[in-house]
Amino acid sequence: MARVRLSVAERREELLRAAIEQIEARGVAAVRIADVAAALGVSNALVLYHFSTKEKLVAAAFTYAAEGDLTHLRKLLGRRTTALRRLRAAVRWYAPTGQAKGWRLWIEGWAVALREPALREVSGDLDRQWKAAITEVIAEGVSAGEFACADPAGAALRLTALLDGLAVQLTSYPGAVARYRAQEWVDDALARELGLDRKALTERDR
């Protein structure tokens, strides 16, 4: 069956999605241009036409993944509801016990970012934008009198550090932490940062 002819933008997006899948499955070091090409049934030359090197393909794939995560985060935080509900929805989605995909990709990315400036920039920018968005919604909740937090930026950093650390534990060491226990810790941390007890956090989120 002949392949559907795609626009340049559509083809690039298809290649980036395939690259993300291959990186998650094989890791950055092991993945090859040929793996991405084979996953789509196209030639190596086609992949290289759009991304002249493996390094550029990998960097673009992480950028694409980051943009997708940030778009979803903004959608959650842009809902017309209380700051608490928006914040809890974002934290629950981002947590490794939630619906966020790609934790294997980002753990791989963090490791490679230690040596690759391009990936360090992408992952660092995602981290900064995530913290800024969480800081903003916490500040909105404080202004609205929904909860108390003397240091929204510090709270955002501590919550992010906890979520990232739990992601490593649950993804890299299956069975190290029960998913229900990890979710309890996330709820406890969120309630503590907002000056609420955990029961109040749950009740106000309904």
C-alpha atoms as a PDB file:
ATOM      1  CA  MET A   1       0.000   0.000   0.000  1.00  0.00           C
ATOM      2  CA  ALA A   2       1.399   3.390  -0.972  1.00  0.00           C
ATOM      3  CA  ARG A   3       2.177   5.775   1.848  1.00  0.00           C
ATOM      4  CA  VAL A   4       0.093   8.913   2.133  1.00  0.00           C
ATOM      5  CA  ARG A   5       2.031  11.961   1.005  1.00  0.00           C
ATOM      6  CA  LEU A   6       2.615  14.218   3.983  1.00  0.00           C
ATOM      7  CA  SER A   7       3.525  17.877   4.187  1.00  0.00           C
ATOM      8  CA  VAL A   8       6.973  18.776   5.473  1.00  0.00           C
ATOM      9  CA  ALA A   9       5.534  19.722   8.877  1.00  0.00           C
ATOM     10  CA  GLU A  10       3.494  16.525   9.106  1.00  0.00           C
ATOM     11  CA  ARG A  11       6.481  14.397   8.123  1.00  0.00           C
ATOM     12  CA  ARG A  12       8.708  16.054  10.713  1.00  0.00           C
ATOM     13  CA  GLU A  13       6.099  15.493  13.409  1.00  0.00           C
ATOM     14  CA  GLU A  14       5.767  11.844  12.411  1.00  0.00           C
ATOM     15  CA  LEU A  15       9.543  11.420  12.602  1.00  0.00           C
ATOM     16  CA  LEU A  16       9.713  13.150  15.984  1.00  0.00           C
ATOM     17  CA  ARG A  17       7.002  10.926  17.461  1.00  0.00           C
ATOM     18  CA  ALA A  18       8.812   7.856  16.179  1.00  0.00           C
ATOM     19  CA  ALA A  19      12.107   9.140  17.577  1.00  0.00           C
ATOM     20  CA  ILE A  20      10.528   9.617  21.011  1.00  0.00           C
ATOM     21  CA  GLU A  21       9.202   6.054  20.968  1.00  0.00           C
ATOM     22  CA  GLN A  22      12.592   4.677  19.962  1.00  0.00           C
ATOM     23  CA  ILE A  23      14.450   6.720  22.584  1.00  0.00           C
ATOM     24  CA  GLU A  24      12.079   5.465  25.280  1.00  0.00           C
ATOM     25  CA  ALA A  25      12.591   1.890  24.131  1.00  0.00           C
ATOM     26  CA  ARG A  26      16.342   1.919  23.416  1.00  0.00           C
ATOM     27  CA  GLY A  27      17.841   4.946  25.122  1.00  0.00           C
ATOM     28  CA  VAL A  28      19.627   7.882  23.509  1.00  0.00           C
ATOM     29  CA  ALA A  29      22.994   6.148  23.255  1.00  0.00           C
ATOM     30  CA  ALA A  30      21.654   3.055  21.498  1.00  0.00           C
ATOM     31  CA  VAL A  31      19.019   4.565  19.224  1.00  0.00           C
ATOM     32  CA  ARG A  32      20.001   4.922  15.556  1.00  0.00           C
ATOM     33  CA  ILE A  33      18.641   6.799  12.573  1.00  0.00           C
ATOM     34  CA  ALA A  34      17.916   3.366  11.121  1.00  0.00           C
ATOM     35  CA  ASP A  35      15.665   2.500  14.090  1.00  0.00           C
ATOM     36  CA  VAL A  36      13.500   5.560  13.512  1.00  0.00           C
ATOM     37  CA  ALA A  37      13.356   4.918   9.783  1.00  0.00           C
ATOM     38  CA  ALA A  38      12.451   1.251  10.251  1.00  0.00           C
ATOM     39  CA  ALA A  39       9.667   2.107  12.704  1.00  0.00           C
ATOM     40  CA  LEU A  40       7.969   4.137   9.976  1.00  0.00           C
ATOM     41  CA  GLY A  41       8.975   2.059   6.987  1.00  0.00           C
ATOM     42  CA  VAL A  42      10.939   4.898   5.389  1.00  0.00           C
ATOM     43  CA  SER A  43      14.547   5.270   4.299  1.00  0.00           C
ATOM     44  CA  ASN A  44      17.430   6.524   6.410  1.00  0.00           C
ATOM     45  CA  ALA A  45      17.904   9.207   3.786  1.00  0.00           C
ATOM     46  CA  LEU A  46      14.432  10.613   4.457  1.00  0.00           C
ATOM     47  CA  VAL A  47      15.167  10.961   8.171  1.00  0.00           C
ATOM     48  CA  LEU A  48      18.511  12.619   7.403  1.00  0.00           C
ATOM     49  CA  TYR A  49      16.833  14.968   4.932  1.00  0.00           C
ATOM     50  CA  HIS A  50      14.758  16.425   7.772  1.00  0.00           C
ATOM     51  CA  PHE A  51      17.364  16.063  10.541  1.00  0.00           C
ATOM     52  CA  SER A  52      20.906  16.012   9.221  1.00  0.00           C
ATOM     53  CA  THR A  53      22.367  14.162  12.218  1.00  0.00           C
ATOM     54  CA  LYS A  54      21.222  11.873  14.994  1.00  0.00           C
ATOM     55  CA  GLU A  55      22.108  14.593  17.520  1.00  0.00           C
ATOM     56  CA  LYS A  56      19.781  17.094  15.828  1.00  0.00           C
ATOM     57  CA  LEU A  57      16.990  14.515  15.652  1.00  0.00           C
ATOM     58  CA  VAL A  58      17.335  13.693  19.356  1.00  0.00           C
ATOM     59  CA  ALA A  59      17.401  17.360  20.388  1.00  0.00           C
ATOM     60  CA  ALA A  60      14.327  18.089  18.252  1.00  0.00           C
ATOM     61  CA  ALA A  61      12.514  15.067  19.707  1.00  0.00           C
ATOM     62  CA  PHE A  62      13.061  16.261  23.264  1.00  0.00           C
ATOM     63  CA  THR A  63      11.969  19.785  22.302  1.00  0.00           C
ATOM     64  CA  TYR A  64       8.793  18.367  20.749  1.00  0.00           C
ATOM     65  CA  ALA A  65       8.079  16.323  23.882  1.00  0.00           C
ATOM     66  CA  ALA A  66       8.678  19.333  26.129  1.00  0.00           C
ATOM     67  CA  GLU A  67       6.328  21.524  24.092  1.00  0.00           C
ATOM     68  CA  GLY A  68       3.640  18.858  24.335  1.00  0.00           C
ATOM     69  CA  ASP A  69       3.982  18.608  28.112  1.00  0.00           C
ATOM     70  CA  LEU A  70       3.877  22.385  28.546  1.00  0.00           C
ATOM     71  CA  THR A  71       0.818  22.693  26.308  1.00  0.00           C
ATOM     72  CA  HIS A  72      -1.037  20.161  28.453  1.00  0.00           C
ATOM     73  CA  LEU A  73       0.099  21.856  31.661  1.00  0.00           C
ATOM     74  CA  ARG A  74      -1.188  25.229  30.447  1.00  0.00           C
ATOM     75  CA  LYS A  75      -4.498  23.609  29.539  1.00  0.00           C
ATOM     76  CA  LEU A  76      -4.884  22.224  33.061  1.00  0.00           C
ATOM     77  CA  LEU A  77      -3.899  25.484  34.728  1.00  0.00           C
ATOM     78  CA  GLY A  78      -6.074  27.562  32.390  1.00  0.00           C
ATOM     79  CA  ARG A  79      -9.355  25.978  33.451  1.00  0.00           C
ATOM     80  CA  ARG A  80     -12.065  28.202  34.933  1.00  0.00           C
ATOM     81  CA  THR A  81     -12.041  26.819  38.441  1.00  0.00           C
ATOM     82  CA  THR A  82     -10.296  27.407  41.751  1.00  0.00           C
ATOM     83  CA  ALA A  83      -6.532  27.658  41.980  1.00  0.00           C
ATOM     84  CA  LEU A  84      -6.539  24.627  44.273  1.00  0.00           C
ATOM     85  CA  ARG A  85      -8.357  22.454  41.755  1.00  0.00           C
ATOM     86  CA  ARG A  86      -6.076  23.585  38.939  1.00  0.00           C
ATOM     87  CA  LEU A  87      -2.977  23.022  41.029  1.00  0.00           C
ATOM     88  CA  ARG A  88      -4.029  19.593  42.222  1.00  0.00           C
ATOM     89  CA  ALA A  89      -4.993  18.554  38.686  1.00  0.00           C
ATOM     90  CA  ALA A  90      -1.567  19.610  37.402  1.00  0.00           C
ATOM     91  CA  VAL A  91       0.305  17.856  40.201  1.00  0.00           C
ATOM     92  CA  ARG A  92      -1.763  14.700  39.833  1.00  0.00           C
ATOM     93  CA  TRP A  93      -1.158  14.647  36.080  1.00  0.00           C
ATOM     94  CA  TYR A  94       2.582  15.307  36.393  1.00  0.00           C
ATOM     95  CA  ALA A  95       3.133  12.817  39.222  1.00  0.00           C
ATOM     96  CA  PRO A  96       4.505   9.411  38.147  1.00  0.00           C
ATOM     97  CA  THR A  97       1.292   7.893  39.515  1.00  0.00           C
ATOM     98  CA  GLY A  98      -0.801  10.049  37.193  1.00  0.00           C
ATOM     99  CA  GLN A  99      -1.475  10.118  33.458  1.00  0.00           C
ATOM    100  CA  ALA A 100       1.664  11.915  32.306  1.00  0.00           C
ATOM    101  CA  LYS A 101       3.535   9.802  29.795  1.00  0.00           C
ATOM    102  CA  GLY A 102       7.182   9.876  28.913  1.00  0.00           C
ATOM    103  CA  TRP A 103       8.888   9.543  32.286  1.00  0.00           C
ATOM    104  CA  ARG A 104      11.328   7.063  30.741  1.00  0.00           C
ATOM    105  CA  LEU A 105      12.094   9.661  28.078  1.00  0.00           C
ATOM    106  CA  TRP A 106      12.817  12.422  30.589  1.00  0.00           C
ATOM    107  CA  ILE A 107      14.893  10.240  32.900  1.00  0.00           C
ATOM    108  CA  GLU A 108      16.956   9.316  29.863  1.00  0.00           C
ATOM    109  CA  GLY A 109      17.107  12.977  28.900  1.00  0.00           C
ATOM    110  CA  TRP A 110      18.325  14.074  32.334  1.00  0.00           C
ATOM    111  CA  ALA A 111      21.194  11.597  32.141  1.00  0.00           C
ATOM    112  CA  VAL A 112      22.244  12.653  28.648  1.00  0.00           C
ATOM    113  CA  ALA A 113      21.848  16.355  29.529  1.00  0.00           C
ATOM    114  CA  LEU A 114      24.841  16.026  31.851  1.00  0.00           C
ATOM    115  CA  ARG A 115      27.020  15.732  28.740  1.00  0.00           C
ATOM    116  CA  GLU A 116      24.936  17.318  25.964  1.00  0.00           C
ATOM    117  CA  PRO A 117      24.406  21.123  26.160  1.00  0.00           C
ATOM    118  CA  ALA A 118      21.488  21.051  23.694  1.00  0.00           C
ATOM    119  CA  LEU A 119      19.508  18.594  25.789  1.00  0.00           C
ATOM    120  CA  ARG A 120      20.486  20.385  28.982  1.00  0.00           C
ATOM    121  CA  GLU A 121      18.948  23.555  27.552  1.00  0.00           C
ATOM    122  CA  VAL A 122      15.717  21.781  26.547  1.00  0.00           C
ATOM    123  CA  SER A 123      15.232  19.983  29.869  1.00  0.00           C
ATOM    124  CA  GLY A 124      16.243  23.078  31.823  1.00  0.00           C
ATOM    125  CA  ASP A 125      13.748  25.252  29.961  1.00  0.00           C
ATOM    126  CA  LEU A 126      10.950  22.734  30.591  1.00  0.00           C
ATOM    127  CA  ASP A 127      11.864  22.662  34.276  1.00  0.00           C
ATOM    128  CA  ARG A 128      11.881  26.466  34.539  1.00  0.00           C
ATOM    129  CA  GLN A 129       8.546  26.852  32.775  1.00  0.00           C
ATOM    130  CA  TRP A 130       6.923  24.117  34.893  1.00  0.00           C
ATOM    131  CA  LYS A 131       8.101  25.761  38.132  1.00  0.00           C
ATOM    132  CA  ALA A 132       7.011  29.214  36.916  1.00  0.00           C
ATOM    133  CA  ALA A 133       3.522  27.954  36.068  1.00  0.00           C
ATOM    134  CA  ILE A 134       3.105  26.210  39.419  1.00  0.00           C
ATOM    135  CA  THR A 135       4.461  29.262  41.251  1.00  0.00           C
ATOM    136  CA  GLU A 136       1.909  31.466  39.477  1.00  0.00           C
ATOM    137  CA  VAL A 137      -1.116  29.333  40.340  1.00  0.00           C
ATOM    138  CA  ILE A 138      -0.012  29.003  43.976  1.00  0.00           C
ATOM    139  CA  ALA A 139       0.313  32.794  44.163  1.00  0.00           C
ATOM    140  CA  GLU A 140      -3.179  33.141  42.658  1.00  0.00           C
ATOM    141  CA  GLY A 141      -4.585  30.826  45.319  1.00  0.00           C
ATOM    142  CA  VAL A 142      -2.900  32.792  48.080  1.00  0.00           C
ATOM    143  CA  SER A 143      -4.288  36.081  46.705  1.00  0.00           C
ATOM    144  CA  ALA A 144      -7.764  34.561  46.516  1.00  0.00           C
ATOM    145  CA  GLY A 145      -7.556  33.394  50.134  1.00  0.00           C
ATOM    146  CA  GLU A 146      -7.878  29.716  49.200  1.00  0.00           C
ATOM    147  CA  PHE A 147      -4.781  28.679  51.128  1.00  0.00           C
ATOM    148  CA  ALA A 148      -1.607  30.084  52.676  1.00  0.00           C
ATOM    149  CA  CYS A 149       1.910  29.850  51.277  1.00  0.00           C
ATOM    150  CA  ALA A 150       4.644  32.316  52.183  1.00  0.00           C
ATOM    151  CA  ASP A 151       6.985  31.211  49.391  1.00  0.00           C
ATOM    152  CA  PRO A 152       5.201  30.061  46.198  1.00  0.00           C
ATOM    153  CA  ALA A 153       8.464  29.707  44.251  1.00  0.00           C
ATOM    154  CA  GLY A 154      10.018  27.591  46.981  1.00  0.00           C
ATOM    155  CA  ALA A 155       6.898  25.449  47.196  1.00  0.00           C
ATOM    156  CA  ALA A 156       6.965  24.880  43.431  1.00  0.00           C
ATOM    157  CA  LEU A 157      10.610  23.823  43.586  1.00  0.00           C
ATOM    158  CA  ARG A 158      10.047  21.418  46.494  1.00  0.00           C
ATOM    159  CA  LEU A 159       6.985  19.847  44.839  1.00  0.00           C
ATOM    160  CA  THR A 160       8.854  19.421  41.562  1.00  0.00           C
ATOM    161  CA  ALA A 161      11.838  17.850  43.318  1.00  0.00           C
ATOM    162  CA  LEU A 162       9.552  15.356  45.058  1.00  0.00           C
ATOM    163  CA  LEU A 163       7.705  14.447  41.842  1.00  0.00           C
ATOM    164  CA  ASP A 164      10.915  14.049  39.857  1.00  0.00           C
ATOM    165  CA  GLY A 165      12.472  11.894  42.566  1.00  0.00           C
ATOM    166  CA  LEU A 166       9.423   9.660  42.808  1.00  0.00           C
ATOM    167  CA  ALA A 167       9.424   9.321  39.032  1.00  0.00           C
ATOM    168  CA  VAL A 168      12.961   7.943  39.145  1.00  0.00           C
ATOM    169  CA  GLN A 169      12.027   5.481  41.894  1.00  0.00           C
ATOM    170  CA  LEU A 170       8.845   4.206  40.241  1.00  0.00           C
ATOM    171  CA  THR A 171      10.257   4.107  36.711  1.00  0.00           C
ATOM    172  CA  SER A 172      13.796   2.874  37.329  1.00  0.00           C
ATOM    173  CA  TYR A 173      13.131   0.611  40.318  1.00  0.00           C
ATOM    174  CA  PRO A 174       9.745  -1.082  39.905  1.00  0.00           C
ATOM    175  CA  GLY A 175       8.364  -2.157  43.255  1.00  0.00           C
ATOM    176  CA  ALA A 176      10.600   0.188  45.269  1.00  0.00           C
ATOM    177  CA  VAL A 177       7.591   2.352  46.176  1.00  0.00           C
ATOM    178  CA  ALA A 178       3.939   1.369  45.982  1.00  0.00           C
ATOM    179  CA  ARG A 179       2.005   3.688  43.679  1.00  0.00           C
ATOM    180  CA  TYR A 180      -0.666   4.358  46.303  1.00  0.00           C
ATOM    181  CA  ARG A 181       2.035   5.274  48.823  1.00  0.00           C
ATOM    182  CA  ALA A 182       3.710   7.640  46.377  1.00  0.00           C
ATOM    183  CA  GLN A 183       0.370   9.346  45.733  1.00  0.00           C
ATOM    184  CA  GLU A 184      -0.185   9.723  49.474  1.00  0.00           C
ATOM    185  CA  TRP A 185       3.217  11.399  49.799  1.00  0.00           C
ATOM    186  CA  VAL A 186       2.388  13.773  46.951  1.00  0.00           C
ATOM    187  CA  ASP A 187      -0.940  14.728  48.551  1.00  0.00           C
ATOM    188  CA  ASP A 188       0.747  15.161  51.944  1.00  0.00           C
ATOM    189  CA  ALA A 189       3.410  17.422  50.434  1.00  0.00           C
ATOM    190  CA  LEU A 190       0.869  19.528  48.549  1.00  0.00           C
ATOM    191  CA  ALA A 191      -1.307  19.964  51.626  1.00  0.00           C
ATOM    192  CA  ARG A 192       1.729  20.907  53.714  1.00  0.00           C
ATOM    193  CA  GLU A 193       2.920  23.499  51.195  1.00  0.00           C
ATOM    194  CA  LEU A 194      -0.543  25.087  51.103  1.00  0.00           C
ATOM    195  CA  GLY A 195      -1.110  25.114  54.857  1.00  0.00           C
ATOM    196  CA  LEU A 196      -3.999  22.642  54.623  1.00  0.00           C
ATOM    197  CA  ASP A 197      -4.537  19.296  56.250  1.00  0.00           C
ATOM    198  CA  ARG A 198      -4.832  16.439  53.801  1.00  0.00           C
ATOM    199  CA  LYS A 199      -8.552  15.902  54.411  1.00  0.00           C
ATOM    200  CA  ALA A 200      -9.268  19.565  53.691  1.00  0.00           C
ATOM    201  CA  LEU A 201      -7.199  19.344  50.516  1.00  0.00           C
ATOM    202  CA  THR A 202      -9.329  16.470  49.238  1.00  0.00           C
ATOM    203  CA  GLU A 203     -12.640  18.013  50.309  1.00  0.00           C
ATOM    204  CA  ARG A 204     -11.873  21.372  48.699  1.00  0.00           C
ATOM    205  CA  ASP A 205     -10.863  19.666  45.475  1.00  0.00           C
ATOM    206  CA  ARG A 206     -14.344  18.130  45.021  1.00  0.00           C
END
